[in-house]
Protein backbone atom coordinates (compact mmCIF):
# COMPACT_ATOMS: atom_id res chain seq x y z
CA MET A 1 0.71 3.68 27.15
CA ILE A 2 2.09 7.21 25.38
CA ASP A 3 1.31 10.52 27.34
CA LEU A 4 0.26 12.61 24.73
CA THR A 5 1.67 16.16 24.83
CA GLU A 6 -0.79 19.28 24.28
CA SER A 7 0.70 19.84 20.49
CA GLN A 8 -0.40 16.23 19.96
CA ILE A 9 -3.58 16.61 21.26
CA GLU A 10 -4.21 19.53 19.08
CA ARG A 11 -2.95 17.75 16.06
CA TYR A 12 -4.90 14.66 16.43
CA SER A 13 -8.06 16.61 18.10
CA ARG A 14 -10.09 15.56 14.98
CA HIS A 15 -9.24 11.57 15.76
CA ILE A 16 -9.84 12.08 19.40
CA LEU A 17 -12.75 13.52 18.79
CA LEU A 18 -14.26 10.17 17.33
CA GLN A 19 -15.79 7.94 19.23
CA ASP A 20 -14.54 4.94 17.55
CA VAL A 21 -10.67 6.33 17.85
CA GLY A 22 -10.31 8.27 20.88
CA LEU A 23 -7.32 8.91 22.94
CA GLU A 24 -6.55 4.94 23.10
CA GLY A 25 -6.87 4.88 19.40
CA GLN A 26 -4.54 7.56 18.56
CA GLU A 27 -2.16 5.91 21.27
CA LYS A 28 -2.54 2.78 18.86
CA ILE A 29 -1.42 4.79 15.75
CA LEU A 30 1.54 6.30 17.31
CA ASN A 31 2.56 2.81 18.18
CA ALA A 32 2.06 1.55 14.71
CA LYS A 33 4.45 0.39 12.19
CA VAL A 34 3.38 0.42 8.78
CA LEU A 35 5.17 -0.48 5.16
CA ILE A 36 4.49 1.27 2.08
CA ILE A 37 5.80 -0.49 -0.86
CA GLY A 38 6.32 2.04 -3.85
CA ALA A 39 6.64 5.46 -3.52
CA GLY A 40 4.65 6.30 -6.76
CA GLY A 41 0.86 7.27 -7.40
CA LEU A 42 -0.61 5.10 -4.68
CA GLY A 43 2.35 5.28 -2.26
CA ALA A 44 2.19 9.07 -2.20
CA PRO A 45 -1.16 9.80 -0.63
CA ALA A 46 -1.08 6.70 1.33
CA ALA A 47 2.59 7.92 2.45
CA MET A 48 1.20 11.60 3.53
CA TYR A 49 -1.97 10.67 5.29
CA LEU A 50 -0.26 8.03 7.14
CA ALA A 51 2.13 10.49 8.57
CA ALA A 52 -0.56 13.19 9.24
CA ALA A 53 -2.47 10.75 11.30
CA GLY A 54 0.51 10.02 13.50
CA VAL A 55 1.69 6.43 12.47
CA GLY A 56 4.76 6.21 14.77
CA THR A 57 7.05 4.42 12.08
CA ILE A 58 6.48 4.49 8.33
CA GLY A 59 8.87 2.40 5.91
CA ILE A 60 8.82 3.55 2.72
CA VAL A 61 10.41 1.03 -0.46
CA ASP A 62 11.00 1.94 -3.85
CA GLY A 63 14.59 1.65 -5.80
CA ASP A 64 13.60 4.27 -8.32
CA VAL A 65 14.03 7.98 -9.06
CA VAL A 66 11.83 10.85 -9.32
CA ASP A 67 11.16 11.31 -13.43
CA LEU A 68 9.13 14.15 -14.73
CA SER A 69 6.30 12.02 -15.98
CA ASN A 70 5.71 10.65 -12.18
CA LEU A 71 4.55 14.09 -11.10
CA GLN A 72 1.18 14.18 -13.12
CA ARG A 73 -0.01 11.82 -10.07
CA GLN A 74 2.76 11.48 -7.58
CA ILE A 75 1.82 14.08 -5.29
CA ILE A 76 4.47 13.53 -2.87
CA HIS A 77 7.23 14.57 -5.17
CA PHE A 78 8.10 17.95 -6.31
CA THR A 79 9.47 19.30 -9.40
CA LYS A 80 12.54 20.40 -7.63
CA ASP A 81 13.04 16.33 -6.95
CA VAL A 82 13.34 15.07 -10.16
CA GLY A 83 16.53 13.17 -10.45
CA ARG A 84 16.58 11.99 -6.68
CA PRO A 85 15.87 8.87 -5.03
CA LYS A 86 11.67 8.50 -4.63
CA VAL A 87 12.22 7.29 -1.19
CA GLU A 88 14.50 10.59 -0.11
CA SER A 89 11.92 12.59 -1.53
CA ALA A 90 9.08 11.19 -0.03
CA LYS A 91 10.55 11.06 3.67
CA GLU A 92 11.56 14.78 3.39
CA LYS A 93 7.51 15.65 2.67
CA MET A 94 7.00 12.93 5.43
CA GLU A 95 8.80 14.74 8.15
CA ALA A 96 7.81 18.28 7.25
CA ILE A 97 4.34 17.21 7.80
CA ASN A 98 4.51 15.49 10.67
CA PRO A 99 7.76 15.56 13.05
CA ASP A 100 6.08 12.91 15.59
CA VAL A 101 6.90 10.10 12.53
CA LYS A 102 9.99 8.09 12.28
CA VAL A 103 10.44 7.47 8.52
CA ASN A 104 12.59 4.75 6.91
CA ALA A 105 13.15 5.35 3.69
CA ILE A 106 14.61 2.00 1.99
CA GLN A 107 16.17 2.29 -1.58
CA GLU A 108 15.86 -1.23 -2.87
CA PHE A 109 13.89 -2.77 -5.19
CA LEU A 110 11.84 -6.15 -3.57
CA TYR A 111 13.18 -9.60 -4.86
CA SER A 112 12.41 -13.25 -3.04
CA ASP A 113 15.87 -12.72 -1.19
CA ASN A 114 15.39 -9.31 0.58
CA ILE A 115 11.59 -8.79 0.82
CA MET A 116 11.13 -11.03 4.19
CA ASP A 117 13.42 -8.94 5.93
CA ILE A 118 12.10 -5.77 4.60
CA ILE A 119 8.44 -6.73 5.78
CA LYS A 120 9.22 -8.30 9.56
CA ASP A 121 9.38 -5.65 11.29
CA TYR A 122 5.92 -4.11 10.22
CA ASP A 123 2.21 -4.38 11.42
CA PHE A 124 0.62 -3.66 8.11
CA ILE A 125 2.04 -3.44 4.29
CA ILE A 126 0.83 -1.18 1.83
CA ASP A 127 1.41 -2.70 -1.60
CA GLY A 128 1.59 0.56 -4.08
CA THR A 129 3.50 -1.25 -6.70
CA ASP A 130 2.88 -1.13 -10.57
CA ASN A 131 3.64 -4.69 -11.78
CA PHE A 132 2.23 -8.16 -11.59
CA PRO A 133 5.16 -9.43 -10.45
CA VAL A 134 5.95 -7.81 -7.48
CA LYS A 135 2.32 -7.75 -6.38
CA PHE A 136 2.40 -11.49 -6.46
CA LEU A 137 5.79 -11.63 -4.60
CA ILE A 138 4.10 -9.27 -1.73
CA ASN A 139 1.48 -11.42 -1.72
CA ASP A 140 3.23 -14.63 -1.21
CA ALA A 141 5.33 -13.00 1.21
CA CYS A 142 2.70 -11.52 3.61
CA VAL A 143 0.89 -14.78 3.48
CA LYS A 144 4.23 -16.78 4.48
CA ALA A 145 4.67 -14.17 7.06
CA GLY A 146 1.25 -13.97 8.47
CA LYS A 147 1.03 -10.19 7.61
CA ALA A 148 -2.10 -8.15 6.84
CA PHE A 149 -1.66 -5.99 3.72
CA SER A 150 -3.61 -3.55 1.11
CA HIS A 151 -3.35 -4.97 -2.17
CA GLY A 152 -3.99 -1.63 -4.80
CA GLY A 153 -3.85 -1.30 -8.69
CA ILE A 154 -4.76 1.35 -10.95
CA LEU A 155 -4.80 1.94 -15.02
CA ARG A 156 -6.42 4.09 -17.36
CA PHE A 157 -9.98 5.49 -15.14
CA ARG A 158 -10.36 2.25 -12.95
CA GLY A 159 -8.64 1.09 -9.42
CA GLN A 160 -9.47 -2.00 -7.48
CA THR A 161 -8.56 -2.90 -3.75
CA PHE A 162 -8.60 -5.33 -1.05
CA THR A 163 -7.31 -5.99 2.04
CA HIS A 164 -5.43 -9.46 3.34
CA VAL A 165 -5.29 -10.26 7.04
CA PRO A 166 -4.38 -14.25 7.63
CA GLY A 167 -7.32 -16.35 7.17
CA SER A 168 -8.90 -14.38 4.21
CA ALA A 169 -8.83 -14.38 0.86
CA CYS A 170 -5.23 -13.43 -0.96
CA TYR A 171 -4.27 -12.31 -4.43
CA ARG A 172 -3.82 -15.49 -5.49
CA CYS A 173 -7.60 -16.95 -4.49
CA MET A 174 -8.62 -14.42 -6.81
CA PHE A 175 -5.81 -14.08 -9.52
CA LYS A 176 -3.67 -17.58 -9.80
CA GLU A 177 -0.39 -16.29 -11.54
CA PRO A 178 0.79 -13.26 -13.23
CA PRO A 179 -0.37 -12.76 -16.98
CA PRO A 180 1.71 -13.99 -19.67
CA VAL A 181 4.18 -11.64 -20.93
CA GLY A 182 3.08 -8.65 -23.07
CA ALA A 183 -0.73 -9.90 -22.66
CA VAL A 184 -1.38 -6.81 -20.60
CA PRO A 185 -1.11 -3.12 -21.94
CA THR A 186 1.48 -0.90 -20.34
CA CYS A 187 1.10 2.19 -18.56
CA SER A 188 2.90 4.40 -21.06
CA GLN A 189 0.19 2.75 -23.98
CA ALA A 190 -2.70 2.85 -21.98
CA GLY A 191 -2.38 5.98 -19.55
CA VAL A 192 -3.52 6.73 -16.01
CA LEU A 193 -6.14 9.39 -14.66
CA GLY A 194 -3.50 10.99 -12.11
CA ALA A 195 -6.52 11.77 -9.42
CA ILE A 196 -7.25 8.02 -9.82
CA ALA A 197 -4.37 7.27 -7.76
CA GLY A 198 -5.31 9.71 -5.01
CA MET A 199 -8.34 7.60 -4.67
CA LEU A 200 -7.33 4.50 -4.41
CA GLY A 201 -3.94 5.16 -2.21
CA THR A 202 -6.69 6.84 0.38
CA ILE A 203 -8.56 3.92 0.53
CA GLN A 204 -5.32 2.11 1.69
CA ALA A 205 -4.63 4.58 3.97
CA ALA A 206 -7.68 4.07 5.49
CA GLU A 207 -7.37 0.22 5.64
CA ALA A 208 -4.58 0.70 7.40
CA LEU A 209 -5.79 3.03 9.92
CA LYS A 210 -8.80 0.79 10.54
CA TYR A 211 -6.33 -2.37 10.83
CA ILE A 212 -4.27 -0.33 13.36
CA THR A 213 -7.18 0.85 15.56
CA GLY A 214 -9.72 -2.08 15.16
CA ILE A 215 -12.36 -0.22 13.97
CA GLY A 216 -14.93 -0.50 11.12
CA GLN A 217 -14.95 -3.37 8.78
CA LEU A 218 -12.09 -4.19 6.57
CA LEU A 219 -12.03 -4.69 2.86
CA THR A 220 -11.40 -8.75 3.55
CA ASN A 221 -13.04 -11.18 1.34
CA ARG A 222 -13.95 -8.33 -0.63
CA LEU A 223 -12.46 -6.55 -3.72
CA LEU A 224 -13.75 -3.18 -4.40
CA THR A 225 -13.39 -1.66 -7.74
CA PHE A 226 -14.42 1.45 -9.33
CA ASP A 227 -14.71 3.14 -12.84
CA ALA A 228 -13.81 6.84 -12.59
CA LYS A 229 -15.53 7.65 -15.74
CA THR A 230 -18.76 6.91 -14.40
CA MET A 231 -17.88 6.94 -10.90
CA GLU A 232 -19.59 3.47 -10.18
CA PHE A 233 -17.87 1.40 -7.36
CA ARG A 234 -18.53 -2.07 -6.98
CA THR A 235 -18.10 -4.61 -4.42
CA ILE A 236 -17.41 -8.53 -5.53
CA PRO A 237 -17.28 -10.84 -2.82
CA VAL A 238 -14.30 -13.80 -2.73
CA LYS A 239 -13.77 -16.28 -0.79
CA GLN A 240 -10.40 -17.94 0.24
CA ARG A 241 -9.90 -20.90 -1.69
CA ASP A 242 -8.80 -24.49 -0.01
CA SER A 243 -6.87 -25.04 -3.19
CA CYS A 244 -5.23 -21.85 -3.32
CA PRO A 245 -1.40 -22.29 -3.88
CA VAL A 246 -0.30 -19.95 -1.11
CA CYS A 247 -3.34 -19.81 1.59
CA GLY A 248 -4.83 -23.29 0.67
CA SER A 249 -4.71 -26.39 3.31
CA HIS A 250 -2.07 -28.07 0.87
CA PRO A 251 0.14 -24.87 -0.44
CA THR A 252 1.99 -26.10 -3.46
CA ILE A 253 4.30 -22.80 -3.75
CA THR A 254 6.55 -23.07 -0.47
CA GLU A 255 9.67 -20.84 -2.03
CA LEU A 256 8.92 -16.95 -3.10
CA ILE A 257 9.21 -16.68 -6.94
CA ASP A 258 10.55 -13.91 -8.83
CA TYR A 259 8.59 -13.73 -12.26
CA GLU A 260 9.53 -12.03 -15.40
CA GLN A 261 8.24 -8.63 -15.34
CA ALA A 262 5.12 -8.47 -18.01
CA ALA A 263 3.30 -5.45 -17.73
CA CYS A 264 3.88 -1.99 -16.58
CA ASP A 265 6.95 -0.10 -17.98
CA LEU A 266 5.94 3.31 -16.35
CA HIS A 267 5.48 4.15 -12.96
CA LYS A 268 2.31 4.63 -11.55
């Protein structure tokens, strides 16, 4: 039980006014731990909204540094941050918007030998990465650890996202394995509209807050896709596959895999 200060009651008043959230929901948010993997296009808005919401502990993982080409969509980084580690830049902005929040900056790339240790202490994981090998690694590790997570991906004018909780469809239920090397255009070849990252990252933040508070209906067993050129959104029903090699009844993938990098060479 957290006794909110007068300042906190004012800061979170618009949450507290919501019948579905209230003081109890805000206390859940303040007690929650969320891990954001990737401090880029998706991770940037997700990090800012979760910090503003008062998520008590936010981990942010990224081994890269800020590049000038990132600034078109990665709104947590400023021009002065070019060359700085992304996690340091992100932590600075998150703590500036809300000193209530504890930010764990983890300057690492994810591999099969470190991911389980990194995700173990968090309630919800946000996948804001930009390449298939790490997306499959996050999926497999979260399923193995029984962690809820939000998947997100963007390219050109399109985005897609879904949420996994234990017992619902996972990434491999929809996509069995990464595409062959060279089969998918890179971000530098295809491009991405900057605002698309904000649209999808905020959806992922909303899913995290819904999971924490227990309100609404998560994007489980549903793949949400959108095309910003037409502003058409689709929700595609998906099912957990009993034959899924990771979450099925007889899993065949029992060890985490470091796939060869096959796609994006430019960060989202």
